Amino acid sequence: MNHVVGPMSLGTLIIGPREHVVAIAELDDTATAELGPLLRDTARVVDTLCRPEQTYVCMW
């Protein structure tokens, strides 16, 4: 997980796989199994610490 620097909105975080893939369909079983809980847990931490009106999870 990394903070985004650049044209993205303030407070944007990126969660990416350790190995480069072009599409989620290319993730191996281990990475796939880790992604869902990681996204959920990250959103929970952001909600708890920052109390945002909305927490978005997006893919590009």
N, C-alpha and C. Protein backbone atom coordinates (compact mmCIF):
# COMPACT_ATOMS: atom_id res chain seq x y z
N MET A 1 0.84 -1.16 0.00
CA MET A 1 0.00 0.00 0.00
C MET A 1 0.89 1.22 0.00
N ASN A 2 0.53 2.22 -0.81
CA ASN A 2 1.30 3.46 -0.91
C ASN A 2 0.35 4.64 -1.01
N HIS A 3 0.81 5.78 -0.49
CA HIS A 3 0.10 7.03 -0.73
C HIS A 3 0.35 7.42 -2.18
N VAL A 4 -0.61 8.05 -2.80
CA VAL A 4 -0.47 8.50 -4.18
C VAL A 4 0.06 9.93 -4.17
N VAL A 5 1.03 10.19 -5.00
CA VAL A 5 1.56 11.53 -5.19
C VAL A 5 1.27 11.91 -6.64
N GLY A 6 0.65 13.04 -6.84
CA GLY A 6 0.34 13.47 -8.19
C GLY A 6 -1.09 13.95 -8.32
N PRO A 7 -1.71 13.71 -9.47
CA PRO A 7 -3.02 14.31 -9.76
C PRO A 7 -4.20 13.64 -9.05
N MET A 8 -3.98 12.59 -8.29
CA MET A 8 -5.09 11.93 -7.59
C MET A 8 -5.52 12.79 -6.40
N SER A 9 -6.71 12.52 -5.90
CA SER A 9 -7.24 13.29 -4.77
C SER A 9 -6.40 13.09 -3.52
N LEU A 10 -6.36 14.10 -2.68
CA LEU A 10 -5.66 14.03 -1.41
C LEU A 10 -6.19 12.86 -0.59
N GLY A 11 -5.29 12.07 -0.03
CA GLY A 11 -5.70 10.95 0.80
C GLY A 11 -5.86 9.65 0.04
N THR A 12 -5.54 9.64 -1.24
CA THR A 12 -5.68 8.43 -2.05
C THR A 12 -4.58 7.43 -1.70
N LEU A 13 -4.96 6.18 -1.51
CA LEU A 13 -4.02 5.09 -1.28
C LEU A 13 -4.11 4.12 -2.44
N ILE A 14 -3.00 3.49 -2.76
CA ILE A 14 -2.99 2.45 -3.79
C ILE A 14 -2.55 1.15 -3.15
N ILE A 15 -3.30 0.10 -3.41
CA ILE A 15 -2.92 -1.25 -2.99
C ILE A 15 -2.65 -2.02 -4.27
N GLY A 16 -1.44 -2.52 -4.39
CA GLY A 16 -1.07 -3.24 -5.60
C GLY A 16 -0.39 -4.56 -5.26
N PRO A 17 -0.40 -5.49 -6.18
CA PRO A 17 0.26 -6.77 -5.94
C PRO A 17 1.78 -6.61 -5.90
N ARG A 18 2.44 -7.53 -5.24
CA ARG A 18 3.91 -7.49 -5.17
C ARG A 18 4.53 -7.68 -6.54
N GLU A 19 3.95 -8.56 -7.32
CA GLU A 19 4.42 -8.82 -8.68
C GLU A 19 3.54 -8.03 -9.66
N HIS A 20 4.14 -7.44 -10.67
CA HIS A 20 3.39 -6.66 -11.66
C HIS A 20 2.46 -7.56 -12.46
N VAL A 21 1.22 -7.14 -12.58
CA VAL A 21 0.25 -7.77 -13.48
C VAL A 21 -0.47 -6.67 -14.22
N VAL A 22 -0.96 -6.98 -15.41
CA VAL A 22 -1.69 -6.01 -16.20
C VAL A 22 -3.17 -6.02 -15.82
N ALA A 23 -3.67 -7.16 -15.37
CA ALA A 23 -5.09 -7.30 -15.03
C ALA A 23 -5.25 -8.20 -13.80
N ILE A 24 -6.31 -7.98 -13.07
CA ILE A 24 -6.59 -8.81 -11.90
C ILE A 24 -6.71 -10.28 -12.29
N ALA A 25 -7.17 -10.55 -13.49
CA ALA A 25 -7.29 -11.93 -13.96
C ALA A 25 -5.95 -12.66 -13.96
N GLU A 26 -4.85 -11.92 -13.93
CA GLU A 26 -3.52 -12.53 -13.94
C GLU A 26 -3.00 -12.86 -12.54
N LEU A 27 -3.71 -12.46 -11.49
CA LEU A 27 -3.24 -12.74 -10.13
C LEU A 27 -3.23 -14.24 -9.86
N ASP A 28 -2.22 -14.70 -9.12
CA ASP A 28 -2.21 -16.11 -8.74
C ASP A 28 -3.18 -16.30 -7.57
N ASP A 29 -3.40 -17.55 -7.19
CA ASP A 29 -4.39 -17.87 -6.15
C ASP A 29 -4.07 -17.22 -4.81
N THR A 30 -2.80 -17.16 -4.46
CA THR A 30 -2.41 -16.56 -3.18
C THR A 30 -2.73 -15.07 -3.17
N ALA A 31 -2.33 -14.36 -4.20
CA ALA A 31 -2.59 -12.92 -4.29
C ALA A 31 -4.10 -12.65 -4.32
N THR A 32 -4.83 -13.47 -5.02
CA THR A 32 -6.28 -13.31 -5.09
C THR A 32 -6.92 -13.47 -3.72
N ALA A 33 -6.47 -14.48 -2.97
CA ALA A 33 -7.02 -14.73 -1.64
C ALA A 33 -6.68 -13.61 -0.66
N GLU A 34 -5.56 -12.93 -0.86
CA GLU A 34 -5.13 -11.84 0.02
C GLU A 34 -5.81 -10.51 -0.30
N LEU A 35 -6.19 -10.31 -1.55
CA LEU A 35 -6.67 -8.99 -1.99
C LEU A 35 -7.98 -8.58 -1.31
N GLY A 36 -8.97 -9.43 -1.28
CA GLY A 36 -10.27 -9.07 -0.70
C GLY A 36 -10.16 -8.65 0.75
N PRO A 37 -9.60 -9.50 1.61
CA PRO A 37 -9.45 -9.10 3.02
C PRO A 37 -8.59 -7.85 3.20
N LEU A 38 -7.56 -7.69 2.38
CA LEU A 38 -6.71 -6.50 2.49
C LEU A 38 -7.50 -5.24 2.16
N LEU A 39 -8.29 -5.27 1.10
CA LEU A 39 -9.12 -4.11 0.76
C LEU A 39 -10.12 -3.80 1.87
N ARG A 40 -10.77 -4.84 2.38
CA ARG A 40 -11.75 -4.67 3.46
C ARG A 40 -11.09 -4.07 4.71
N ASP A 41 -9.97 -4.66 5.12
CA ASP A 41 -9.30 -4.19 6.33
C ASP A 41 -8.79 -2.77 6.18
N THR A 42 -8.27 -2.43 5.01
CA THR A 42 -7.80 -1.07 4.76
C THR A 42 -8.95 -0.09 4.84
N ALA A 43 -10.08 -0.42 4.23
CA ALA A 43 -11.25 0.45 4.28
C ALA A 43 -11.73 0.64 5.72
N ARG A 44 -11.68 -0.41 6.52
CA ARG A 44 -12.08 -0.30 7.93
C ARG A 44 -11.16 0.62 8.71
N VAL A 45 -9.86 0.53 8.46
CA VAL A 45 -8.91 1.41 9.15
C VAL A 45 -9.14 2.86 8.74
N VAL A 46 -9.31 3.10 7.45
CA VAL A 46 -9.57 4.46 6.98
C VAL A 46 -10.85 4.99 7.62
N ASP A 47 -11.91 4.19 7.63
CA ASP A 47 -13.17 4.62 8.24
C ASP A 47 -13.00 4.94 9.72
N THR A 48 -12.26 4.11 10.43
CA THR A 48 -12.07 4.30 11.87
C THR A 48 -11.24 5.54 12.17
N LEU A 49 -10.14 5.72 11.45
CA LEU A 49 -9.23 6.83 11.73
C LEU A 49 -9.71 8.17 11.20
N CYS A 50 -10.31 8.15 10.02
CA CYS A 50 -10.62 9.41 9.34
C CYS A 50 -12.10 9.78 9.35
N ARG A 51 -12.96 8.82 9.61
CA ARG A 51 -14.41 9.05 9.59
C ARG A 51 -14.88 9.76 8.32
N PRO A 52 -14.47 9.26 7.13
CA PRO A 52 -14.89 9.92 5.90
C PRO A 52 -16.38 9.70 5.65
N GLU A 53 -16.95 10.56 4.85
CA GLU A 53 -18.35 10.38 4.46
C GLU A 53 -18.50 9.12 3.60
N GLN A 54 -17.50 8.85 2.79
CA GLN A 54 -17.52 7.68 1.91
C GLN A 54 -16.10 7.20 1.68
N THR A 55 -15.90 5.89 1.65
CA THR A 55 -14.63 5.30 1.28
C THR A 55 -14.85 4.54 -0.03
N TYR A 56 -14.10 4.88 -1.06
CA TYR A 56 -14.27 4.26 -2.38
C TYR A 56 -13.16 3.24 -2.60
N VAL A 57 -13.50 2.15 -3.25
CA VAL A 57 -12.53 1.17 -3.71
C VAL A 57 -12.74 1.07 -5.23
N CYS A 58 -11.70 1.39 -5.99
CA CYS A 58 -11.78 1.45 -7.45
C CYS A 58 -10.65 0.66 -8.08
N MET A 59 -10.84 0.28 -9.33
CA MET A 59 -9.78 -0.36 -10.12
C MET A 59 -9.58 0.43 -11.39
N TRP A 60 -8.30 0.52 -11.82
CA TRP A 60 -8.01 1.16 -13.10
C TRP A 60 -7.32 0.18 -13.99
